[in-house]
Protein backbone atom coordinates (compact mmCIF):
# COMPACT_ATOMS: atom_id res chain seq x y z
CA MET A 1 0.37 0.26 -0.04
CA THR A 2 1.28 3.09 -0.91
CA THR A 3 0.09 6.29 0.83
CA SER A 4 -0.03 9.30 -1.11
CA THR A 5 0.07 12.53 -0.06
CA THR A 6 -1.43 15.40 -1.52
CA GLU A 7 0.23 18.55 -0.84
CA GLU A 8 -1.39 21.59 -2.43
CA PRO A 9 0.83 24.35 -2.96
CA GLU A 10 0.59 27.71 -1.07
CA PRO A 11 0.09 30.70 -4.11
CA ALA A 12 3.16 32.31 -3.77
CA GLN A 13 1.06 35.53 -4.28
CA SER A 14 -1.00 35.56 -0.88
CA ALA A 15 2.28 36.38 0.85
CA THR A 16 3.22 39.20 -1.79
CA ALA A 17 -0.60 40.89 -1.28
CA SER A 18 -0.54 40.98 2.31
CA ASP A 19 2.85 42.89 2.00
CA ALA A 20 1.53 44.80 -0.59
CA LYS A 21 -1.77 45.86 1.42
CA THR A 22 0.12 47.15 4.40
CA THR A 23 2.33 49.37 2.50
CA LYS A 24 -0.31 50.96 0.42
CA LYS A 25 -1.47 54.32 1.81
CA ALA A 26 -4.95 55.50 1.38
CA HIS A 27 -5.48 58.36 -1.35
CA ALA A 28 -8.36 60.50 -0.01
CA GLY A 29 -8.55 62.35 3.48
CA ALA A 30 -9.91 61.33 6.66
CA LEU A 31 -13.60 60.69 6.50
CA ARG A 32 -15.63 63.54 9.02
CA GLY A 33 -19.08 63.47 9.71
CA ASN A 34 -21.29 66.31 7.77
CA VAL A 35 -21.23 69.08 9.97
CA ALA A 36 -20.81 73.00 9.61
CA PRO A 37 -17.51 74.45 10.10
CA LYS A 38 -16.43 76.18 13.85
CA LYS A 39 -17.70 79.60 13.64
CA GLY A 40 -15.15 82.19 14.08
CA LYS A 41 -15.17 84.55 17.21
CA SER A 42 -17.56 88.13 16.50
CA GLY A 43 -15.49 91.01 16.55
CA LYS A 44 -18.29 92.75 18.51
CA LYS A 45 -17.82 93.22 22.55
CA ALA A 46 -20.48 92.92 25.02
CA SER A 47 -21.26 96.02 26.41
CA PRO A 48 -20.07 96.21 30.09
CA ALA A 49 -23.32 96.16 33.13
CA LYS A 50 -24.52 99.61 34.24
CA LYS A 51 -23.32 101.01 37.38
CA ALA A 52 -25.48 101.18 40.19
CA PRO A 53 -26.38 104.69 41.47
CA LYS A 54 -23.76 106.27 43.64
CA GLY A 55 -24.49 107.49 47.44
CA ALA A 56 -25.31 110.97 48.14
CA THR A 57 -21.34 111.84 49.12
CA LYS A 58 -21.55 113.76 45.92
CA ALA A 59 -24.22 116.07 46.27
CA THR A 60 -21.97 118.38 47.83
CA GLY A 61 -19.83 117.94 44.58
CA ALA A 62 -21.41 121.15 42.64
CA ARG A 63 -18.68 123.90 42.39
CA ASP A 64 -19.77 127.12 44.35
CA GLY A 65 -21.36 129.35 41.56
CA SER A 66 -22.52 127.01 39.53
CA LYS A 67 -25.61 126.20 37.98
CA ALA A 68 -25.92 122.86 39.78
CA ALA A 69 -25.19 124.50 42.93
CA LYS A 70 -27.73 127.21 42.44
CA ILE A 71 -29.89 124.20 41.73
CA LEU A 72 -29.16 122.36 44.58
CA ASP A 73 -29.64 125.33 47.23
CA LEU A 74 -33.14 125.74 45.91
CA LEU A 75 -33.76 122.50 45.97
CA LYS A 76 -33.17 122.33 49.65
CA ARG A 77 -35.15 125.12 50.71
CA PRO A 78 -38.31 123.93 53.44
CA GLY A 79 -40.98 124.29 50.77
CA GLY A 80 -38.84 123.55 47.52
CA VAL A 81 -38.93 125.36 44.18
CA ALA A 82 -41.11 125.69 41.49
CA ALA A 83 -39.93 125.07 38.26
CA LYS A 84 -40.27 128.21 36.73
CA GLU A 85 -37.97 129.51 39.32
CA LEU A 86 -35.16 126.90 38.47
CA LEU A 87 -35.98 127.92 34.86
CA LYS A 88 -35.40 131.52 35.52
CA ALA A 89 -31.90 130.71 38.03
CA THR A 90 -30.28 128.39 35.00
CA GLY A 91 -31.61 129.91 31.59
CA TRP A 92 -32.17 125.91 30.79
CA GLN A 93 -35.17 124.85 28.35
CA PRO A 94 -37.49 122.81 30.40
CA HIS A 95 -36.16 119.47 29.21
CA SER A 96 -33.08 120.24 30.18
CA LEU A 97 -33.87 120.57 33.54
CA ARG A 98 -36.05 117.46 33.80
CA GLY A 99 -33.05 115.68 32.47
CA PHE A 100 -30.84 117.26 35.04
CA LEU A 101 -32.99 116.56 37.98
CA SER A 102 -33.44 112.69 36.93
CA GLY A 103 -30.41 112.02 35.78
CA THR A 104 -27.43 114.47 37.94
CA VAL A 105 -29.06 114.71 40.82
CA GLY A 106 -31.51 111.30 41.06
CA LYS A 107 -28.95 109.09 39.64
CA LYS A 108 -25.24 110.49 39.94
CA MET A 109 -25.88 112.12 43.57
CA GLY A 110 -28.27 109.53 44.89
CA LEU A 111 -30.76 112.05 46.27
CA THR A 112 -34.49 111.53 45.77
CA VAL A 113 -36.35 114.38 44.29
CA ALA A 114 -39.58 114.80 45.06
CA SER A 115 -42.18 116.34 42.53
CA THR A 116 -45.35 117.77 43.08
CA LYS A 117 -48.40 119.88 41.50
CA GLY A 118 -50.12 122.19 43.32
CA GLU A 119 -54.00 123.17 42.90
CA ASP A 120 -52.42 126.00 40.62
CA GLY A 121 -51.00 123.28 38.11
CA GLU A 122 -47.43 124.75 38.90
CA ARG A 123 -44.81 122.16 39.50
CA THR A 124 -42.56 121.82 42.80
CA TYR A 125 -39.83 119.91 42.97
CA SER A 126 -37.61 119.32 46.37
CA VAL A 127 -34.90 117.43 47.85
CA LYS A 128 -34.79 115.79 51.52
CA ALA A 129 -31.38 116.90 52.64
C-alpha cells in the first residue's frame, strides 16, 4: 500500500499580496461627519453692565457759583422750588431741567427728588437733605 499524500502548494501571490496591502496608503483624506465648519469669534464685544447709582456723598460735588450749585440750594429750601424759578435761575429749557433733576441729581448724586403739583398746576421740586 502506498500512501500518497497530496500537498497543495501555497500560492505565492498571497504572501506578496498581504505585504502589498500593508504598504499601500490611502488616497483620500480622513472621513468626517457632515457638520458645518466652526464659526469664528465675532468682533463685537458685550457692553459692560450698568453701574448702580452712587451714594449721596457727591451731592456737595457742585462747584460754588455753578448752575448745579444754585439748583441744589433752591431744592433744599423747606417748601421746595417751582419749576419756573429753576428755569429762570439757570436759563435752561424745561427738558434740560428735567433731565438734570432725573439724571444728575437723582441718579449720579443719589438724592431723592420729590415732585408735586399744586392746585394751580405749578410743578414744585424738592430734595430731602
